[in-house]
Amino acid sequence: MARDHLTLQVEVPVYPDDLPPAEHTRERASDWRKLSVPMHMLESVCVSGVSTLSPPALDLCWEHGVAVNFLSAFGHFHARMTGVADTSATLCRT
């Protein structure tokens, strides 16, 4: 995942239908789907297996209070990072 202003850019590999799941690697992908997801649409993100999340994308999630969950390739929980959205506007009293 990468950052582009206030959106996350996600690349998802596409594999041939006859390729067994055990052989799903970056090198065996036949194509890539690219998605652009605005931050205001996200509550959390799950990063599964051997995936990468760029530091600017991680920072964007942190700034907007979007939780990032890190899972193993088999779905076992490893870690969670939760940022705090800027609440200064809601804390101000007139």
PDB file of N, CA and C in Angstrom:
ATOM      1  N   MET A   1       0.839  -1.174   0.000  1.00  0.00           N
ATOM      2  CA  MET A   1       0.000   0.000   0.000  1.00  0.00           C
ATOM      3  C   MET A   1       0.882   1.233   0.000  1.00  0.00           C
ATOM      4  N   ALA A   2       0.376   2.253  -0.638  1.00  0.00           N
ATOM      5  CA  ALA A   2       1.085   3.522  -0.703  1.00  0.00           C
ATOM      6  C   ALA A   2       0.089   4.649  -0.473  1.00  0.00           C
ATOM      7  N   ARG A   3       0.615   5.838  -0.317  1.00  0.00           N
ATOM      8  CA  ARG A   3      -0.219   7.020  -0.071  1.00  0.00           C
ATOM      9  C   ARG A   3      -0.225   7.914  -1.299  1.00  0.00           C
ATOM     10  N   ASP A   4      -1.390   8.469  -1.589  1.00  0.00           N
ATOM     11  CA  ASP A   4      -1.521   9.485  -2.622  1.00  0.00           C
ATOM     12  C   ASP A   4      -2.481  10.531  -2.073  1.00  0.00           C
ATOM     13  N   HIS A   5      -1.926  11.599  -1.541  1.00  0.00           N
ATOM     14  CA  HIS A   5      -2.693  12.651  -0.873  1.00  0.00           C
ATOM     15  C   HIS A   5      -3.520  12.034   0.256  1.00  0.00           C
ATOM     16  N   LEU A   6      -4.836  12.046   0.159  1.00  0.00           N
ATOM     17  CA  LEU A   6      -5.684  11.492   1.219  1.00  0.00           C
ATOM     18  C   LEU A   6      -6.321  10.171   0.823  1.00  0.00           C
ATOM     19  N   THR A   7      -5.627   9.397  -0.004  1.00  0.00           N
ATOM     20  CA  THR A   7      -6.114   8.068  -0.400  1.00  0.00           C
ATOM     21  C   THR A   7      -5.009   7.035  -0.218  1.00  0.00           C
ATOM     22  N   LEU A   8      -5.419   5.790  -0.038  1.00  0.00           N
ATOM     23  CA  LEU A   8      -4.480   4.675  -0.020  1.00  0.00           C
ATOM     24  C   LEU A   8      -4.523   4.007  -1.383  1.00  0.00           C
ATOM     25  N   GLN A   9      -3.362   3.735  -1.939  1.00  0.00           N
ATOM     26  CA  GLN A   9      -3.241   3.039  -3.217  1.00  0.00           C
ATOM     27  C   GLN A   9      -2.896   1.583  -2.908  1.00  0.00           C
ATOM     28  N   VAL A  10      -3.760   0.671  -3.335  1.00  0.00           N
ATOM     29  CA  VAL A  10      -3.594  -0.746  -3.029  1.00  0.00           C
ATOM     30  C   VAL A  10      -3.413  -1.517  -4.330  1.00  0.00           C
ATOM     31  N   GLU A  11      -2.438  -2.423  -4.351  1.00  0.00           N
ATOM     32  CA  GLU A  11      -2.230  -3.321  -5.489  1.00  0.00           C
ATOM     33  C   GLU A  11      -2.504  -4.745  -5.018  1.00  0.00           C
ATOM     34  N   VAL A  12      -3.430  -5.410  -5.701  1.00  0.00           N
ATOM     35  CA  VAL A  12      -3.831  -6.768  -5.340  1.00  0.00           C
ATOM     36  C   VAL A  12      -3.447  -7.707  -6.481  1.00  0.00           C
ATOM     37  N   PRO A  13      -2.681  -8.771  -6.198  1.00  0.00           N
ATOM     38  CA  PRO A  13      -2.301  -9.692  -7.277  1.00  0.00           C
ATOM     39  C   PRO A  13      -3.478 -10.523  -7.770  1.00  0.00           C
ATOM     40  N   VAL A  14      -3.465 -10.829  -9.058  1.00  0.00           N
ATOM     41  CA  VAL A  14      -4.469 -11.708  -9.673  1.00  0.00           C
ATOM     42  C   VAL A  14      -3.724 -12.947 -10.160  1.00  0.00           C
ATOM     43  N   TYR A  15      -4.203 -14.123  -9.754  1.00  0.00           N
ATOM     44  CA  TYR A  15      -3.544 -15.374 -10.101  1.00  0.00           C
ATOM     45  C   TYR A  15      -4.396 -16.167 -11.088  1.00  0.00           C
ATOM     46  N   PRO A  16      -3.765 -17.009 -11.918  1.00  0.00           N
ATOM     47  CA  PRO A  16      -4.540 -17.891 -12.805  1.00  0.00           C
ATOM     48  C   PRO A  16      -5.424 -18.825 -11.977  1.00  0.00           C
ATOM     49  N   ASP A  17      -6.586 -19.175 -12.498  1.00  0.00           N
ATOM     50  CA  ASP A  17      -7.534 -20.021 -11.765  1.00  0.00           C
ATOM     51  C   ASP A  17      -6.970 -21.397 -11.431  1.00  0.00           C
ATOM     52  N   ASP A  18      -6.095 -21.928 -12.279  1.00  0.00           N
ATOM     53  CA  ASP A  18      -5.577 -23.279 -12.060  1.00  0.00           C
ATOM     54  C   ASP A  18      -4.329 -23.316 -11.171  1.00  0.00           C
ATOM     55  N   LEU A  19      -3.905 -22.173 -10.655  1.00  0.00           N
ATOM     56  CA  LEU A  19      -2.714 -22.113  -9.798  1.00  0.00           C
ATOM     57  C   LEU A  19      -3.107 -22.429  -8.358  1.00  0.00           C
ATOM     58  N   PRO A  20      -2.480 -23.458  -7.742  1.00  0.00           N
ATOM     59  CA  PRO A  20      -2.808 -23.804  -6.348  1.00  0.00           C
ATOM     60  C   PRO A  20      -2.450 -22.658  -5.400  1.00  0.00           C
ATOM     61  N   PRO A  21      -3.233 -22.470  -4.332  1.00  0.00           N
ATOM     62  CA  PRO A  21      -2.970 -21.383  -3.387  1.00  0.00           C
ATOM     63  C   PRO A  21      -1.568 -21.414  -2.796  1.00  0.00           C
ATOM     64  N   ALA A  22      -0.981 -22.585  -2.657  1.00  0.00           N
ATOM     65  CA  ALA A  22       0.366 -22.684  -2.091  1.00  0.00           C
ATOM     66  C   ALA A  22       1.413 -22.023  -2.994  1.00  0.00           C
ATOM     67  N   GLU A  23       1.098 -21.830  -4.267  1.00  0.00           N
ATOM     68  CA  GLU A  23       2.037 -21.239  -5.208  1.00  0.00           C
ATOM     69  C   GLU A  23       1.732 -19.771  -5.504  1.00  0.00           C
ATOM     70  N   HIS A  24       0.881 -19.148  -4.717  1.00  0.00           N
ATOM     71  CA  HIS A  24       0.559 -17.739  -4.915  1.00  0.00           C
ATOM     72  C   HIS A  24       1.705 -16.873  -4.396  1.00  0.00           C
ATOM     73  N   THR A  25       2.543 -16.432  -5.291  1.00  0.00           N
ATOM     74  CA  THR A  25       3.656 -15.538  -4.968  1.00  0.00           C
ATOM     75  C   THR A  25       3.602 -14.352  -5.911  1.00  0.00           C
ATOM     76  N   ARG A  26       4.354 -13.317  -5.602  1.00  0.00           N
ATOM     77  CA  ARG A  26       4.387 -12.124  -6.454  1.00  0.00           C
ATOM     78  C   ARG A  26       4.834 -12.474  -7.868  1.00  0.00           C
ATOM     79  N   GLU A  27       5.773 -13.381  -7.976  1.00  0.00           N
ATOM     80  CA  GLU A  27       6.308 -13.755  -9.282  1.00  0.00           C
ATOM     81  C   GLU A  27       5.287 -14.506 -10.133  1.00  0.00           C
ATOM     82  N   ARG A  28       4.365 -15.216  -9.498  1.00  0.00           N
ATOM     83  CA  ARG A  28       3.391 -16.039 -10.227  1.00  0.00           C
ATOM     84  C   ARG A  28       2.113 -15.282 -10.579  1.00  0.00           C
ATOM     85  N   ALA A  29       1.978 -14.038 -10.125  1.00  0.00           N
ATOM     86  CA  ALA A  29       0.775 -13.252 -10.420  1.00  0.00           C
ATOM     87  C   ALA A  29       0.696 -12.966 -11.914  1.00  0.00           C
ATOM     88  N   SER A  30      -0.485 -13.141 -12.482  1.00  0.00           N
ATOM     89  CA  SER A  30      -0.662 -12.893 -13.918  1.00  0.00           C
ATOM     90  C   SER A  30      -0.993 -11.433 -14.198  1.00  0.00           C
ATOM     91  N   ASP A  31      -1.499 -10.734 -13.181  1.00  0.00           N
ATOM     92  CA  ASP A  31      -1.869  -9.338 -13.348  1.00  0.00           C
ATOM     93  C   ASP A  31      -1.997  -8.708 -11.967  1.00  0.00           C
ATOM     94  N   TRP A  32      -2.187  -7.396 -11.933  1.00  0.00           N
ATOM     95  CA  TRP A  32      -2.373  -6.674 -10.680  1.00  0.00           C
ATOM     96  C   TRP A  32      -3.586  -5.767 -10.803  1.00  0.00           C
ATOM     97  N   ARG A  33      -4.433  -5.763  -9.793  1.00  0.00           N
ATOM     98  CA  ARG A  33      -5.550  -4.814  -9.733  1.00  0.00           C
ATOM     99  C   ARG A  33      -5.130  -3.667  -8.836  1.00  0.00           C
ATOM    100  N   LYS A  34      -5.351  -2.454  -9.296  1.00  0.00           N
ATOM    101  CA  LYS A  34      -4.988  -1.277  -8.519  1.00  0.00           C
ATOM    102  C   LYS A  34      -6.259  -0.591  -8.031  1.00  0.00           C
ATOM    103  N   LEU A  35      -6.292  -0.353  -6.725  1.00  0.00           N
ATOM    104  CA  LEU A  35      -7.442   0.281  -6.096  1.00  0.00           C
ATOM    105  C   LEU A  35      -7.008   1.575  -5.429  1.00  0.00           C
ATOM    106  N   SER A  36      -7.881   2.552  -5.421  1.00  0.00           N
ATOM    107  CA  SER A  36      -7.648   3.812  -4.736  1.00  0.00           C
ATOM    108  C   SER A  36      -8.781   3.997  -3.732  1.00  0.00           C
ATOM    109  N   VAL A  37      -8.444   4.017  -2.446  1.00  0.00           N
ATOM    110  CA  VAL A  37      -9.460   4.073  -1.396  1.00  0.00           C
ATOM    111  C   VAL A  37      -9.301   5.365  -0.590  1.00  0.00           C
ATOM    112  N   PRO A  38     -10.318   6.242  -0.593  1.00  0.00           N
ATOM    113  CA  PRO A  38     -10.243   7.477   0.205  1.00  0.00           C
ATOM    114  C   PRO A  38     -10.227   7.160   1.704  1.00  0.00           C
ATOM    115  N   MET A  39      -9.464   7.928   2.466  1.00  0.00           N
ATOM    116  CA  MET A  39      -9.323   7.682   3.908  1.00  0.00           C
ATOM    117  C   MET A  39     -10.652   7.776   4.649  1.00  0.00           C
ATOM    118  N   HIS A  40     -11.534   8.680   4.233  1.00  0.00           N
ATOM    119  CA  HIS A  40     -12.789   8.851   4.974  1.00  0.00           C
ATOM    120  C   HIS A  40     -13.706   7.634   4.840  1.00  0.00           C
ATOM    121  N   MET A  41     -13.362   6.687   3.952  1.00  0.00           N
ATOM    122  CA  MET A  41     -14.149   5.468   3.779  1.00  0.00           C
ATOM    123  C   MET A  41     -13.658   4.322   4.671  1.00  0.00           C
ATOM    124  N   LEU A  42     -12.541   4.530   5.370  1.00  0.00           N
ATOM    125  CA  LEU A  42     -11.911   3.445   6.126  1.00  0.00           C
ATOM    126  C   LEU A  42     -12.063   3.611   7.632  1.00  0.00           C
ATOM    127  N   GLU A  43     -12.268   2.486   8.296  1.00  0.00           N
ATOM    128  CA  GLU A  43     -12.243   2.432   9.746  1.00  0.00           C
ATOM    129  C   GLU A  43     -11.007   1.662  10.202  1.00  0.00           C
ATOM    130  N   SER A  44     -10.638   0.628   9.421  1.00  0.00           N
ATOM    131  CA  SER A  44      -9.447  -0.154   9.713  1.00  0.00           C
ATOM    132  C   SER A  44      -8.939  -0.812   8.439  1.00  0.00           C
ATOM    133  N   VAL A  45      -7.692  -1.280   8.511  1.00  0.00           N
ATOM    134  CA  VAL A  45      -7.034  -1.947   7.388  1.00  0.00           C
ATOM    135  C   VAL A  45      -6.408  -3.225   7.928  1.00  0.00           C
ATOM    136  N   CYS A  46      -6.515  -4.329   7.185  1.00  0.00           N
ATOM    137  CA  CYS A  46      -5.854  -5.575   7.550  1.00  0.00           C
ATOM    138  C   CYS A  46      -4.743  -5.854   6.548  1.00  0.00           C
ATOM    139  N   VAL A  47      -3.551  -6.072   7.062  1.00  0.00           N
ATOM    140  CA  VAL A  47      -2.398  -6.423   6.240  1.00  0.00           C
ATOM    141  C   VAL A  47      -2.101  -7.884   6.518  1.00  0.00           C
ATOM    142  N   SER A  48      -2.236  -8.725   5.486  1.00  0.00           N
ATOM    143  CA  SER A  48      -2.143 -10.167   5.668  1.00  0.00           C
ATOM    144  C   SER A  48      -0.915 -10.735   4.969  1.00  0.00           C
ATOM    145  N   GLY A  49      -0.204 -11.606   5.678  1.00  0.00           N
ATOM    146  CA  GLY A  49       0.937 -12.295   5.078  1.00  0.00           C
ATOM    147  C   GLY A  49       2.099 -11.372   4.793  1.00  0.00           C
ATOM    148  N   VAL A  50       2.844 -11.715   3.750  1.00  0.00           N
ATOM    149  CA  VAL A  50       4.015 -10.937   3.366  1.00  0.00           C
ATOM    150  C   VAL A  50       3.541  -9.790   2.478  1.00  0.00           C
ATOM    151  N   SER A  51       3.147  -8.710   3.094  1.00  0.00           N
ATOM    152  CA  SER A  51       2.655  -7.531   2.392  1.00  0.00           C
ATOM    153  C   SER A  51       3.441  -6.324   2.876  1.00  0.00           C
ATOM    154  N   THR A  52       3.384  -5.264   2.108  1.00  0.00           N
ATOM    155  CA  THR A  52       4.096  -4.060   2.512  1.00  0.00           C
ATOM    156  C   THR A  52       3.130  -2.894   2.638  1.00  0.00           C
ATOM    157  N   LEU A  53       3.445  -2.021   3.549  1.00  0.00           N
ATOM    158  CA  LEU A  53       2.689  -0.805   3.784  1.00  0.00           C
ATOM    159  C   LEU A  53       3.739   0.297   3.899  1.00  0.00           C
ATOM    160  N   SER A  54       3.719   1.261   2.975  1.00  0.00           N
ATOM    161  CA  SER A  54       4.751   2.297   2.973  1.00  0.00           C
ATOM    162  C   SER A  54       4.632   3.169   4.223  1.00  0.00           C
ATOM    163  N   PRO A  55       5.748   3.731   4.686  1.00  0.00           N
ATOM    164  CA  PRO A  55       5.690   4.633   5.843  1.00  0.00           C
ATOM    165  C   PRO A  55       4.720   5.807   5.651  1.00  0.00           C
ATOM    166  N   PRO A  56       4.659   6.448   4.464  1.00  0.00           N
ATOM    167  CA  PRO A  56       3.657   7.513   4.308  1.00  0.00           C
ATOM    168  C   PRO A  56       2.218   7.003   4.435  1.00  0.00           C
ATOM    169  N   ALA A  57       1.938   5.780   3.951  1.00  0.00           N
ATOM    170  CA  ALA A  57       0.592   5.211   4.084  1.00  0.00           C
ATOM    171  C   ALA A  57       0.289   4.917   5.548  1.00  0.00           C
ATOM    172  N   LEU A  58       1.264   4.394   6.266  1.00  0.00           N
ATOM    173  CA  LEU A  58       1.104   4.116   7.689  1.00  0.00           C
ATOM    174  C   LEU A  58       0.855   5.415   8.456  1.00  0.00           C
ATOM    175  N   ASP A  59       1.579   6.458   8.104  1.00  0.00           N
ATOM    176  CA  ASP A  59       1.415   7.764   8.739  1.00  0.00           C
ATOM    177  C   ASP A  59       0.022   8.333   8.465  1.00  0.00           C
ATOM    178  N   LEU A  60      -0.475   8.164   7.248  1.00  0.00           N
ATOM    179  CA  LEU A  60      -1.810   8.642   6.893  1.00  0.00           C
ATOM    180  C   LEU A  60      -2.871   7.939   7.743  1.00  0.00           C
ATOM    181  N   CYS A  61      -2.727   6.634   7.907  1.00  0.00           N
ATOM    182  CA  CYS A  61      -3.655   5.882   8.758  1.00  0.00           C
ATOM    183  C   CYS A  61      -3.586   6.385  10.197  1.00  0.00           C
ATOM    184  N   TRP A  62      -2.381   6.614  10.687  1.00  0.00           N
ATOM    185  CA  TRP A  62      -2.170   7.104  12.053  1.00  0.00           C
ATOM    186  C   TRP A  62      -2.858   8.454  12.252  1.00  0.00           C
ATOM    187  N   GLU A  63      -2.657   9.375  11.289  1.00  0.00           N
ATOM    188  CA  GLU A  63      -3.218  10.725  11.394  1.00  0.00           C
ATOM    189  C   GLU A  63      -4.745  10.730  11.399  1.00  0.00           C
ATOM    190  N   HIS A  64      -5.367   9.773  10.710  1.00  0.00           N
ATOM    191  CA  HIS A  64      -6.819   9.755  10.579  1.00  0.00           C
ATOM    192  C   HIS A  64      -7.497   8.738  11.491  1.00  0.00           C
ATOM    193  N   GLY A  65      -6.740   8.145  12.408  1.00  0.00           N
ATOM    194  CA  GLY A  65      -7.331   7.211  13.363  1.00  0.00           C
ATOM    195  C   GLY A  65      -7.790   5.907  12.750  1.00  0.00           C
ATOM    196  N   VAL A  66      -7.202   5.527  11.617  1.00  0.00           N
ATOM    197  CA  VAL A  66      -7.545   4.257  10.960  1.00  0.00           C
ATOM    198  C   VAL A  66      -6.627   3.169  11.532  1.00  0.00           C
ATOM    199  N   ALA A  67      -7.212   2.150  12.130  1.00  0.00           N
ATOM    200  CA  ALA A  67      -6.440   1.059  12.721  1.00  0.00           C
ATOM    201  C   ALA A  67      -5.819   0.203  11.623  1.00  0.00           C
ATOM    202  N   VAL A  68      -4.594  -0.260  11.857  1.00  0.00           N
ATOM    203  CA  VAL A  68      -3.918  -1.166  10.929  1.00  0.00           C
ATOM    204  C   VAL A  68      -3.655  -2.462  11.684  1.00  0.00           C
ATOM    205  N   ASN A  69      -4.234  -3.568  11.194  1.00  0.00           N
ATOM    206  CA  ASN A  69      -4.082  -4.883  11.810  1.00  0.00           C
ATOM    207  C   ASN A  69      -3.126  -5.717  10.968  1.00  0.00           C
ATOM    208  N   PHE A  70      -2.149  -6.323  11.603  1.00  0.00           N
ATOM    209  CA  PHE A  70      -1.177  -7.166  10.914  1.00  0.00           C
ATOM    210  C   PHE A  70      -1.484  -8.625  11.236  1.00  0.00           C
ATOM    211  N   LEU A  71      -1.745  -9.414  10.187  1.00  0.00           N
ATOM    212  CA  LEU A  71      -2.100 -10.824  10.331  1.00  0.00           C
ATOM    213  C   LEU A  71      -1.089 -11.693   9.597  1.00  0.00           C
ATOM    214  N   SER A  72      -0.952 -12.940  10.039  1.00  0.00           N
ATOM    215  CA  SER A  72      -0.106 -13.891   9.323  1.00  0.00           C
ATOM    216  C   SER A  72      -0.809 -14.296   8.035  1.00  0.00           C
ATOM    217  N   ALA A  73      -0.138 -15.056   7.194  1.00  0.00           N
ATOM    218  CA  ALA A  73      -0.747 -15.550   5.955  1.00  0.00           C
ATOM    219  C   ALA A  73      -1.941 -16.448   6.239  1.00  0.00           C
ATOM    220  N   PHE A  74      -2.000 -17.007   7.452  1.00  0.00           N
ATOM    221  CA  PHE A  74      -3.100 -17.889   7.842  1.00  0.00           C
ATOM    222  C   PHE A  74      -4.155 -17.173   8.667  1.00  0.00           C
ATOM    223  N   GLY A  75      -4.013 -15.856   8.822  1.00  0.00           N
ATOM    224  CA  GLY A  75      -5.018 -15.068   9.526  1.00  0.00           C
ATOM    225  C   GLY A  75      -4.819 -14.919  11.018  1.00  0.00           C
ATOM    226  N   HIS A  76      -3.665 -15.371  11.530  1.00  0.00           N
ATOM    227  CA  HIS A  76      -3.401 -15.221  12.963  1.00  0.00           C
ATOM    228  C   HIS A  76      -2.961 -13.791  13.258  1.00  0.00           C
ATOM    229  N   PHE A  77      -3.516 -13.227  14.316  1.00  0.00           N
ATOM    230  CA  PHE A  77      -3.240 -11.852  14.699  1.00  0.00           C
ATOM    231  C   PHE A  77      -1.806 -11.693  15.191  1.00  0.00           C
ATOM    232  N   HIS A  78      -1.102 -10.661  14.674  1.00  0.00           N
ATOM    233  CA  HIS A  78       0.256 -10.356  15.140  1.00  0.00           C
ATOM    234  C   HIS A  78       0.302  -9.042  15.904  1.00  0.00           C
ATOM    235  N   ALA A  79      -0.269  -7.986  15.341  1.00  0.00           N
ATOM    236  CA  ALA A  79      -0.184  -6.671  15.977  1.00  0.00           C
ATOM    237  C   ALA A  79      -1.283  -5.757  15.445  1.00  0.00           C
ATOM    238  N   ARG A  80      -1.500  -4.663  16.183  1.00  0.00           N
ATOM    239  CA  ARG A  80      -2.479  -3.659  15.774  1.00  0.00           C
ATOM    240  C   ARG A  80      -1.920  -2.288  16.102  1.00  0.00           C
ATOM    241  N   MET A  81      -2.021  -1.367  15.156  1.00  0.00           N
ATOM    242  CA  MET A  81      -1.611   0.001  15.381  1.00  0.00           C
ATOM    243  C   MET A  81      -2.859   0.876  15.227  1.00  0.00           C
ATOM    244  N   THR A  82      -3.124   1.676  16.231  1.00  0.00           N
ATOM    245  CA  THR A  82      -4.285   2.555  16.171  1.00  0.00           C
ATOM    246  C   THR A  82      -3.825   3.979  16.426  1.00  0.00           C
ATOM    247  N   GLY A  83      -4.062   4.836  15.475  1.00  0.00           N
ATOM    248  CA  GLY A  83      -3.735   6.246  15.634  1.00  0.00           C
ATOM    249  C   GLY A  83      -4.897   6.987  16.268  1.00  0.00           C
ATOM    250  N   VAL A  84      -4.642   8.215  16.596  1.00  0.00           N
ATOM    251  CA  VAL A  84      -5.673   9.053  17.185  1.00  0.00           C
ATOM    252  C   VAL A  84      -5.990  10.162  16.204  1.00  0.00           C
ATOM    253  N   ALA A  85      -7.232  10.201  15.758  1.00  0.00           N
ATOM    254  CA  ALA A  85      -7.650  11.266  14.846  1.00  0.00           C
ATOM    255  C   ALA A  85      -7.591  12.601  15.578  1.00  0.00           C
ATOM    256  N   ASP A  86      -7.328  13.656  14.849  1.00  0.00           N
ATOM    257  CA  ASP A  86      -7.247  14.995  15.427  1.00  0.00           C
ATOM    258  C   ASP A  86      -8.626  15.409  15.923  1.00  0.00           C
ATOM    259  N   THR A  87      -8.748  15.538  17.223  1.00  0.00           N
ATOM    260  CA  THR A  87     -10.039  15.904  17.805  1.00  0.00           C
ATOM    261  C   THR A  87     -10.032  17.320  18.349  1.00  0.00           C
ATOM    262  N   SER A  88      -9.042  18.112  17.964  1.00  0.00           N
ATOM    263  CA  SER A  88      -8.920  19.463  18.530  1.00  0.00           C
ATOM    264  C   SER A  88     -10.159  20.301  18.244  1.00  0.00           C
ATOM    265  N   ALA A  89     -10.798  20.093  17.115  1.00  0.00           N
ATOM    266  CA  ALA A  89     -11.997  20.871  16.789  1.00  0.00           C
ATOM    267  C   ALA A  89     -13.151  20.517  17.724  1.00  0.00           C
ATOM    268  N   THR A  90     -13.230  19.281  18.133  1.00  0.00           N
ATOM    269  CA  THR A  90     -14.325  18.881  19.009  1.00  0.00           C
ATOM    270  C   THR A  90     -14.029  19.247  20.471  1.00  0.00           C
ATOM    271  N   LEU A  91     -12.779  19.479  20.815  1.00  0.00           N
ATOM    272  CA  LEU A  91     -12.419  19.810  22.183  1.00  0.00           C
ATOM    273  C   LEU A  91     -12.544  21.302  22.463  1.00  0.00           C
ATOM    274  N   CYS A  92     -12.551  22.121  21.443  1.00  0.00           N
ATOM    275  CA  CYS A  92     -12.639  23.577  21.629  1.00  0.00           C
ATOM    276  C   CYS A  92     -14.021  23.969  22.113  1.00  0.00           C
ATOM    277  N   ARG A  93     -14.040  24.865  23.067  1.00  0.00           N
ATOM    278  CA  ARG A  93     -15.321  25.410  23.550  1.00  0.00           C
ATOM    279  C   ARG A  93     -15.311  26.907  23.304  1.00  0.00           C
ATOM    280  N   THR A  94     -16.451  27.394  22.956  1.00  0.00           N
ATOM    281  CA  THR A  94     -16.539  28.834  22.711  1.00  0.00           C
ATOM    282  C   THR A  94     -17.155  29.556  23.865  1.00  0.00           C
TER     283      THR A  94
END
